[in-house]
Protein backbone atom coordinates (compact mmCIF):
# COMPACT_ATOMS: atom_id res chain seq x y z
CA MET A 1 9.89 -3.15 -16.48
CA ALA A 2 8.18 -4.62 -19.53
CA ASP A 3 4.79 -4.61 -17.80
CA ALA A 4 5.29 -0.98 -16.78
CA VAL A 5 6.13 0.07 -20.36
CA VAL A 6 3.11 -1.75 -21.78
CA ALA A 7 0.78 -0.36 -19.11
CA ASP A 8 1.96 3.20 -19.77
CA PHE A 9 1.52 2.85 -23.53
CA GLU A 10 -1.95 1.35 -23.26
CA ARG A 11 -3.08 3.92 -20.70
CA ASN A 12 -2.31 6.47 -23.40
CA GLY A 13 -4.26 4.69 -26.11
CA ILE A 14 -1.34 2.89 -27.78
CA ARG A 15 -2.32 -0.76 -28.26
CA CYS A 16 0.56 -3.18 -27.73
CA TRP A 17 1.37 -6.73 -28.65
CA TYR A 18 4.03 -8.21 -26.45
CA ALA A 19 5.50 -11.52 -25.45
CA PRO A 20 4.55 -13.56 -23.65
CA ARG A 21 1.14 -11.99 -22.90
CA ASP A 22 -0.16 -12.09 -26.45
CA ILE A 23 1.33 -15.35 -27.67
CA ILE A 24 -1.57 -17.73 -28.25
CA PRO A 25 -1.19 -20.98 -26.26
CA GLY A 26 0.14 -23.73 -28.49
CA THR A 27 1.85 -21.29 -30.85
CA GLU A 28 5.59 -21.75 -31.43
CA TRP A 29 7.31 -18.91 -29.56
CA VAL A 30 9.88 -17.79 -32.13
CA ALA A 31 7.38 -17.99 -34.99
CA ALA A 32 4.89 -15.86 -33.06
CA ILE A 33 7.50 -13.18 -32.38
CA LYS A 34 8.58 -13.17 -36.02
CA GLU A 35 4.96 -12.61 -37.07
CA GLY A 36 4.74 -9.81 -34.53
CA ILE A 37 7.80 -8.12 -36.03
CA HIS A 38 6.38 -8.36 -39.55
CA ALA A 39 3.06 -6.86 -38.45
CA ALA A 40 4.65 -4.02 -36.50
CA LYS A 41 4.92 -0.39 -37.48
CA VAL A 42 7.24 0.12 -34.54
CA PHE A 43 8.74 -2.30 -32.04
CA VAL A 44 10.48 -1.59 -28.76
CA LEU A 45 13.22 -3.91 -27.55
CA LEU A 46 14.15 -4.05 -23.87
CA PHE A 47 17.74 -5.19 -24.22
CA THR A 48 18.88 -7.11 -21.14
CA ASP A 49 21.84 -9.20 -20.05
CA GLU A 50 19.66 -12.28 -20.50
CA SER A 51 18.78 -11.45 -24.10
CA ASN A 52 22.42 -10.58 -24.82
CA THR A 53 23.49 -14.05 -23.70
CA SER A 54 20.60 -15.92 -25.32
CA ARG A 55 21.31 -18.89 -27.56
CA HIS A 56 20.23 -16.89 -30.63
CA VAL A 57 22.95 -14.24 -30.01
CA GLN A 58 25.65 -16.82 -29.15
CA LEU A 59 24.88 -18.69 -32.42
CA ILE A 60 25.50 -15.51 -34.41
CA LEU A 61 28.65 -14.48 -32.55
CA SER A 62 30.05 -17.96 -33.08
CA GLY A 63 29.65 -17.62 -36.83
CA THR A 64 27.09 -20.40 -37.17
CA GLU A 65 24.80 -18.21 -39.27
CA ARG A 66 27.54 -16.63 -41.33
CA GLU A 67 25.99 -18.00 -44.51
CA THR A 68 23.24 -15.39 -44.21
CA VAL A 69 25.76 -12.56 -44.79
CA PRO A 70 25.86 -11.22 -48.40
CA ALA A 71 28.64 -12.65 -50.50
CA LYS A 72 30.33 -9.30 -51.22
CA PRO A 73 29.60 -6.92 -48.38
CA THR A 74 30.84 -3.39 -48.51
CA GLN A 75 33.10 -2.11 -45.74
CA LYS A 76 30.11 -0.31 -44.14
CA SER A 77 27.77 -3.29 -44.36
CA ARG A 78 30.53 -5.53 -42.94
CA LYS A 79 30.53 -3.36 -39.82
CA MET A 80 26.77 -3.09 -39.54
CA TRP A 81 25.69 -6.66 -40.32
CA PRO A 82 26.67 -8.26 -36.97
CA VAL A 83 24.83 -5.48 -35.19
CA VAL A 84 21.70 -6.12 -37.25
CA LEU A 85 21.90 -9.87 -36.67
CA ILE A 86 22.53 -9.56 -32.96
CA THR A 87 19.65 -7.10 -32.59
CA ALA A 88 17.30 -9.39 -34.51
CA ALA A 89 18.45 -12.38 -32.50
CA ALA A 90 17.91 -10.51 -29.25
CA VAL A 91 14.34 -9.81 -30.33
CA LEU A 92 13.83 -13.54 -30.72
CA ALA A 93 15.16 -14.25 -27.24
CA ILE A 94 12.68 -15.07 -24.50
CA ALA A 95 13.81 -11.99 -22.57
CA ALA A 96 12.89 -9.75 -25.49
CA VAL A 97 9.67 -7.78 -25.45
CA LEU A 98 7.75 -6.84 -28.56
CA LEU A 99 5.44 -3.87 -28.58
CA VAL A 100 3.41 -3.36 -31.72
CA ILE A 101 1.96 0.12 -31.88
CA LEU A 102 -1.25 0.01 -33.86
CA LYS A 103 -1.82 3.74 -33.96
CA PRO A 104 -1.04 4.89 -37.51
CA PHE A 105 2.10 6.94 -37.88
CA GLY A 106 2.60 9.37 -40.73
CA SER A 107 1.50 12.72 -42.04
CA GLU A 108 -1.97 14.07 -42.71
CA ASN A 109 -3.53 13.61 -46.16
CA GLY A 110 -0.54 11.60 -47.35
CA LYS A 111 1.68 14.69 -47.69
CA THR A 112 5.37 14.03 -48.13
CA GLY A 113 8.46 16.06 -48.65
CA ASN A 114 9.62 19.00 -46.57
CA GLU A 115 6.29 20.78 -46.11
CA THR A 116 5.06 21.37 -42.56
CA VAL A 117 2.24 18.99 -41.69
CA THR A 118 0.26 18.02 -38.61
CA ASN A 119 0.10 14.37 -37.65
CA THR A 120 -3.46 13.27 -36.89
CA PRO A 121 -3.48 9.71 -35.48
CA VAL A 122 -6.68 7.77 -36.07
CA PRO A 123 -8.25 6.92 -32.66
CA ASN A 124 -7.84 3.30 -31.68
CA GLU A 125 -11.20 1.54 -32.15
CA SER A 126 -11.07 -0.08 -28.71
CA ILE A 127 -10.49 3.31 -27.05
CA VAL A 128 -13.44 4.80 -28.93
CA PHE A 129 -15.77 2.04 -27.71
CA PHE A 130 -14.50 2.39 -24.16
CA GLU A 131 -15.06 6.16 -24.12
CA ARG A 132 -18.60 5.65 -25.47
CA GLY A 133 -19.16 3.17 -22.69
CA GLU A 134 -17.97 5.69 -20.10
CA ALA A 135 -20.33 8.34 -21.49
CA SER A 136 -23.28 5.93 -21.34
CA TYR A 137 -22.32 4.80 -17.85
CA ARG A 138 -22.25 8.39 -16.58
CA ALA A 139 -25.65 8.96 -18.18
CA GLY A 140 -27.10 5.91 -16.42
CA ASP A 141 -27.65 3.97 -19.66
CA TYR A 142 -26.07 0.75 -18.41
CA ASP A 143 -27.25 -1.48 -21.27
CA SER A 144 -25.53 0.75 -23.84
CA ALA A 145 -22.50 1.08 -21.57
CA LEU A 146 -22.16 -2.69 -21.22
CA ALA A 147 -22.45 -3.20 -24.98
CA CYS A 148 -19.71 -0.62 -25.59
CA TYR A 149 -17.38 -2.06 -22.95
CA LEU A 150 -17.78 -5.54 -24.45
CA LYS A 151 -17.02 -4.17 -27.93
CA ALA A 152 -13.96 -2.40 -26.53
CA VAL A 153 -12.64 -5.67 -25.12
CA GLU A 154 -13.39 -7.49 -28.39
CA ALA A 155 -11.45 -4.79 -30.24
CA GLY A 156 -8.42 -5.38 -28.05
CA TYR A 157 -8.92 -3.06 -25.07
CA THR A 158 -7.14 -4.55 -22.07
CA GLY A 159 -7.59 -1.75 -19.56
CA THR A 160 -8.60 -2.57 -16.01
CA ASP A 161 -11.53 -0.14 -16.07
CA ALA A 162 -13.35 -2.01 -18.85
CA TYR A 163 -13.06 -5.34 -17.04
CA TYR A 164 -14.24 -3.79 -13.80
CA ARG A 165 -17.21 -2.02 -15.39
CA ILE A 166 -18.40 -5.18 -17.16
CA GLY A 167 -18.15 -7.21 -13.98
CA THR A 168 -19.89 -4.73 -11.69
CA ILE A 169 -22.68 -3.78 -14.12
CA CYS A 170 -23.67 -7.43 -14.43
CA LEU A 171 -23.24 -8.43 -10.80
CA GLU A 172 -25.26 -5.45 -9.59
CA GLY A 173 -28.04 -6.15 -12.10
CA LYS A 174 -27.80 -2.71 -13.68
CA ALA A 175 -28.22 -3.98 -17.24
CA LYS A 176 -31.25 -5.86 -18.57
CA SER A 177 -29.14 -8.09 -20.77
CA GLY A 178 -25.51 -8.97 -21.29
CA VAL A 179 -23.04 -11.47 -19.94
CA ASN A 180 -24.07 -13.99 -17.30
CA GLU A 181 -22.89 -13.99 -13.69
CA GLU A 182 -20.08 -16.47 -14.30
CA LYS A 183 -18.71 -14.36 -17.14
CA ALA A 184 -19.12 -11.22 -15.04
CA LEU A 185 -16.99 -12.79 -12.31
CA SER A 186 -14.31 -13.69 -14.83
CA TYR A 187 -14.13 -10.03 -15.91
CA LEU A 188 -13.99 -8.95 -12.27
CA GLU A 189 -11.08 -11.32 -11.75
CA LEU A 190 -9.32 -9.93 -14.81
CA ALA A 191 -9.67 -6.48 -13.26
CA TYR A 192 -8.15 -7.75 -10.02
CA ASN A 193 -5.26 -9.48 -11.81
CA ASP A 194 -4.65 -6.32 -13.83
CA GLY A 195 -4.02 -4.36 -10.63
CA ALA A 196 -7.48 -3.08 -9.72
CA GLY A 197 -7.50 -4.55 -6.22
CA GLU A 198 -8.18 -1.20 -4.61
CA LYS A 199 -11.33 -0.77 -6.70
CA LEU A 200 -13.06 -3.98 -5.64
CA THR A 201 -15.52 -3.75 -2.77
CA ALA A 202 -15.85 -6.21 0.09
CA ASP A 203 -18.93 -7.74 -1.56
CA GLU A 204 -17.15 -8.13 -4.90
CA TYR A 205 -14.33 -9.99 -3.20
CA TYR A 206 -16.94 -12.24 -1.60
CA PHE A 207 -18.49 -12.97 -5.01
CA LEU A 208 -15.08 -14.10 -6.28
CA ALA A 209 -14.34 -16.17 -3.16
CA TYR A 210 -17.78 -17.77 -3.28
CA LYS A 211 -17.34 -18.65 -6.95
CA TYR A 212 -14.27 -20.76 -6.19
CA ASP A 213 -15.86 -22.22 -3.04
CA SER A 214 -19.21 -23.29 -4.51
CA ASP A 215 -18.53 -24.07 -8.17
CA ALA A 216 -17.62 -27.76 -8.34
CA THR A 217 -15.98 -27.36 -11.75
CA ALA A 218 -13.86 -24.39 -10.68
CA LYS A 219 -13.25 -25.20 -7.02
CA ASN A 220 -9.98 -23.65 -5.89
CA PRO A 221 -9.32 -23.37 -2.12
CA GLU A 222 -6.25 -21.17 -2.61
CA LYS A 223 -8.27 -18.61 -4.56
CA VAL A 224 -11.07 -18.80 -2.00
CA CYS A 225 -8.60 -17.80 0.70
CA ARG A 226 -6.96 -15.12 -1.44
CA TYR A 227 -10.21 -13.32 -2.21
CA ALA A 228 -11.78 -14.02 1.19
CA LEU A 229 -8.79 -12.42 2.92
CA LYS A 230 -9.12 -9.29 0.79
CA GLY A 231 -12.87 -9.17 1.41
CA ALA A 232 -12.51 -9.81 5.14
CA GLU A 233 -9.94 -7.04 5.46
CA ALA A 234 -12.44 -4.76 3.71
CA GLY A 235 -15.16 -5.72 6.21
CA SER A 236 -17.06 -8.59 4.55
CA VAL A 237 -18.54 -10.83 7.28
CA PRO A 238 -19.21 -13.72 4.82
CA CYS A 239 -15.52 -13.58 3.87
CA MET A 240 -14.58 -13.77 7.56
CA LEU A 241 -16.69 -16.93 7.87
CA LEU A 242 -15.06 -18.45 4.78
CA LEU A 243 -11.61 -17.75 6.19
CA GLY A 244 -12.53 -19.22 9.57
CA GLU A 245 -13.68 -22.44 7.91
CA ALA A 246 -10.60 -22.54 5.66
CA TYR A 247 -8.27 -22.38 8.67
CA TRP A 248 -10.43 -24.91 10.55
CA TYR A 249 -10.15 -27.58 7.84
CA GLY A 250 -6.85 -26.51 6.30
CA ASN A 251 -8.40 -25.81 2.90
CA GLY A 252 -6.13 -23.57 0.84
CA VAL A 253 -4.09 -22.64 3.94
CA GLU A 254 -2.35 -24.47 6.76
CA GLN A 255 -4.67 -25.48 9.58
CA ASP A 256 -4.48 -22.82 12.28
CA TYR A 257 -6.93 -22.74 15.20
CA ASP A 258 -5.73 -19.33 16.35
CA GLN A 259 -6.79 -17.94 12.97
CA VAL A 260 -10.13 -19.74 13.26
CA LEU A 261 -10.69 -17.90 16.53
CA ASN A 262 -9.44 -14.67 15.00
CA TRP A 263 -11.83 -14.64 12.03
CA PHE A 264 -14.90 -16.05 13.76
CA GLY A 265 -14.26 -13.53 16.54
CA LYS A 266 -14.04 -10.70 14.01
CA ALA A 267 -17.34 -11.87 12.50
CA LEU A 268 -18.96 -11.68 15.96
CA ASP A 269 -17.43 -8.25 16.54
CA SER A 270 -18.84 -7.11 13.19
CA GLY A 271 -22.37 -7.97 14.28
CA VAL A 272 -23.06 -11.22 12.47
CA GLU A 273 -26.67 -12.30 13.13
CA GLY A 274 -28.88 -15.40 13.31
CA TYR A 275 -27.60 -18.81 12.31
CA ASN A 276 -24.11 -17.52 11.48
CA ARG A 277 -23.78 -15.94 14.93
CA ASN A 278 -24.69 -19.22 16.64
CA TYR A 279 -22.33 -21.06 14.28
CA CYS A 280 -19.39 -18.84 15.31
CA ILE A 281 -20.17 -19.28 19.01
CA ASN A 282 -20.44 -23.06 18.66
CA CYS A 283 -17.17 -23.25 16.72
CA ILE A 284 -15.28 -21.20 19.30
CA THR A 285 -16.78 -23.33 22.10
CA THR A 286 -15.64 -26.49 20.33
CA LEU A 287 -12.11 -25.10 19.96
CA VAL A 288 -11.99 -24.58 23.73
CA GLU A 289 -13.53 -27.94 24.64
CA GLU A 290 -11.17 -29.85 22.36
CA GLY A 291 -8.18 -28.02 23.81
CA HIS A 292 -7.15 -26.26 20.60
CA ILE A 293 -7.20 -22.84 22.26
CA ALA A 294 -7.20 -21.65 25.87
CA ARG A 295 -10.49 -20.59 27.41
CA GLU A 296 -8.92 -17.23 28.30
CA ALA A 297 -8.28 -16.55 24.60
CA ALA A 298 -12.00 -17.10 23.87
CA SER A 299 -13.35 -15.30 26.93
CA LYS A 300 -14.12 -12.22 24.88
CA TRP A 301 -16.85 -14.15 23.04
CA ILE A 302 -18.02 -17.01 25.27
CA GLY A 303 -18.69 -17.42 28.96
CA GLU A 304 -17.63 -20.18 31.36
CA ASP A 305 -20.52 -22.41 30.28
CA GLY A 306 -19.53 -22.30 26.61
CA THR A 307 -22.39 -20.03 25.57
CA GLU A 308 -22.13 -16.47 24.37
CA ASP A 309 -20.87 -14.14 27.07
CA PRO A 310 -23.97 -12.30 28.36
CA ALA A 311 -21.83 -9.20 28.89
CA ARG A 312 -21.72 -8.85 25.12
């Protein structure tokens, strides 16, 4: 629910700060939320059963923090003070969500009183940069577009589209200068994690899978399989080969010879050529010869002699 609220706000140009997304690693949780409250023009609390039973609220209800109540409260303040304390405590609970709206609120030209005025919010800087980037992208000026997208992100823009544009512009070589390939892949992954899976192409999934397969410092078999599966389902033959090998050796997934046959077979069906074609045939032949799969299961791709079926 919190993610949905934040996503809706930010899609409409309202920049949010919320826990735990925007708490800097190493920062004390309660202190960070307090700072967020002080910096906020408006905050939205999602009040849940968990926040209602948090240790902060139980401390207040038990009277532990009674010393913070004014010495001579009025009858009205006596009624309101527990509500204020409980609400504040709930905000400090882990289940609480802070949203800091950075768009200015108020009336035009500083007018006050009862006169009719029109509110004119100042455009969020990150949104302005992103829209400039979109205009440049549509015009084919990819260097300017990339610069604007990067400035949008620096200014706090967290939208999926900016991440995706940065990643694809760099990976496709559309811009003469900008971020390097490794950085481009990190932006592409941010886009994926932010819910842009349907936007990524088969090749882009392969780039991500290959990054975690080939980079010794970032090697991650689970991520290789995650992105390779997405790419293979979208038709990427290299991703099919990566998946076949992953199931063969049990890297990132449980060893499964049926899946090895499945993905190498799909690669052959997709028209893989040259060395990779021979590699798939040899692997399937080995599976049969070692007794991991029945010859009948492989008969679609290899003949009785273990070579590619001439009927294909």
